């Protein structure tokens, strides 16, 4: 988990995707926090993202920079600039 956290911290922006009814919402998020071997993303309770997470806690984190993309099993894939 610490390796994933360090990767997220060195990027300017990451994205959090949540289920929004029958569709998906994706938004940028800022500074993740590592505590007790878990990664936390803070938000306010009245925001849509908090309500979506309360309804369905499955998420997808998209972490990107121009040189690499990390997939779900931790491998680094080379990305090409278009």
Protein backbone atom coordinates (compact mmCIF):
# COMPACT_ATOMS: atom_id res chain seq x y z
CA UNK A 1 0.00 0.00 0.00
CA UNK A 2 2.88 2.33 0.77
CA UNK A 3 4.22 1.95 -2.79
CA UNK A 4 0.83 2.95 -4.24
CA UNK A 5 0.62 5.88 -1.82
CA UNK A 6 4.08 7.16 -2.79
CA UNK A 7 3.11 6.93 -6.46
CA UNK A 8 -0.08 8.92 -5.88
CA UNK A 9 1.74 11.57 -3.83
CA UNK A 10 4.29 12.36 -6.50
CA UNK A 11 1.65 13.12 -9.13
CA UNK A 12 -0.04 16.51 -9.52
CA UNK A 13 -3.54 15.10 -9.75
CA UNK A 14 -5.33 11.77 -9.46
CA UNK A 15 -8.91 10.91 -10.29
CA UNK A 16 -11.53 9.08 -8.26
CA UNK A 17 -14.38 7.33 -10.07
CA UNK A 18 -17.55 6.39 -8.20
CA UNK A 19 -20.89 4.88 -9.13
CA UNK A 20 -23.60 7.52 -9.61
CA UNK A 21 -26.83 5.58 -9.98
CA UNK A 22 -26.59 3.82 -13.34
CA UNK A 23 -23.61 5.90 -14.50
CA UNK A 24 -20.12 6.75 -13.28
CA UNK A 25 -18.75 10.04 -11.95
CA UNK A 26 -15.05 10.84 -12.11
CA UNK A 27 -13.42 13.79 -10.44
CA UNK A 28 -9.90 14.94 -9.57
CA UNK A 29 -8.74 14.60 -5.99
CA UNK A 30 -5.86 16.14 -4.17
CA UNK A 31 -3.75 15.04 -1.28
CA UNK A 32 -4.29 11.39 -0.24
CA UNK A 33 -3.42 10.35 3.32
CA UNK A 34 -1.79 7.07 4.38
CA UNK A 35 -2.90 5.83 7.81
CA UNK A 36 -2.85 2.32 9.26
CA UNK A 37 -1.84 0.89 5.86
CA UNK A 38 -4.93 2.39 4.16
CA UNK A 39 -5.18 5.27 1.73
CA UNK A 40 -7.75 7.93 2.66
CA UNK A 41 -9.23 10.57 0.40
CA UNK A 42 -10.98 13.35 2.29
CA UNK A 43 -14.22 15.02 1.25
CA UNK A 44 -17.15 16.85 2.84
CA UNK A 45 -20.25 14.88 3.85
CA UNK A 46 -22.62 17.09 1.86
CA UNK A 47 -20.77 16.59 -1.45
CA UNK A 48 -22.08 14.25 -4.14
CA UNK A 49 -19.00 12.04 -3.90
CA UNK A 50 -19.65 11.33 -0.21
CA UNK A 51 -23.25 10.38 -0.96
CA UNK A 52 -22.14 8.14 -3.84
CA UNK A 53 -19.60 6.39 -1.61
CA UNK A 54 -22.22 5.86 1.10
CA UNK A 55 -24.49 4.19 -1.47
CA UNK A 56 -21.74 2.10 -3.10
CA UNK A 57 -18.18 1.98 -1.75
CA UNK A 58 -16.59 0.52 -4.90
CA UNK A 59 -14.20 3.01 -6.49
CA UNK A 60 -11.57 3.29 -9.18
CA UNK A 61 -8.50 5.50 -8.81
CA UNK A 62 -6.91 6.70 -12.02
CA UNK A 63 -3.30 7.78 -11.51
CA UNK A 64 -1.56 9.24 -14.52
CA UNK A 65 1.50 11.12 -15.57
CA UNK A 66 2.97 11.59 -19.04
CA UNK A 67 5.53 8.82 -18.68
CA UNK A 68 3.64 5.98 -17.09
CA UNK A 69 0.26 4.55 -16.19
CA UNK A 70 -0.12 2.15 -13.27
CA UNK A 71 -2.65 -0.65 -13.58
CA UNK A 72 -4.52 -2.44 -10.81
CA UNK A 73 -1.88 -5.08 -10.10
CA UNK A 74 0.89 -2.52 -9.65
CA UNK A 75 2.75 -2.94 -12.91
CA UNK A 76 3.96 0.16 -14.68
CA UNK A 77 2.93 0.44 -18.30
CA UNK A 78 4.63 2.77 -20.78
CA UNK A 79 2.28 5.38 -22.18
CA UNK A 80 2.74 7.30 -25.39
CA UNK A 81 2.11 11.01 -25.78
CA UNK A 82 -0.28 11.82 -28.62
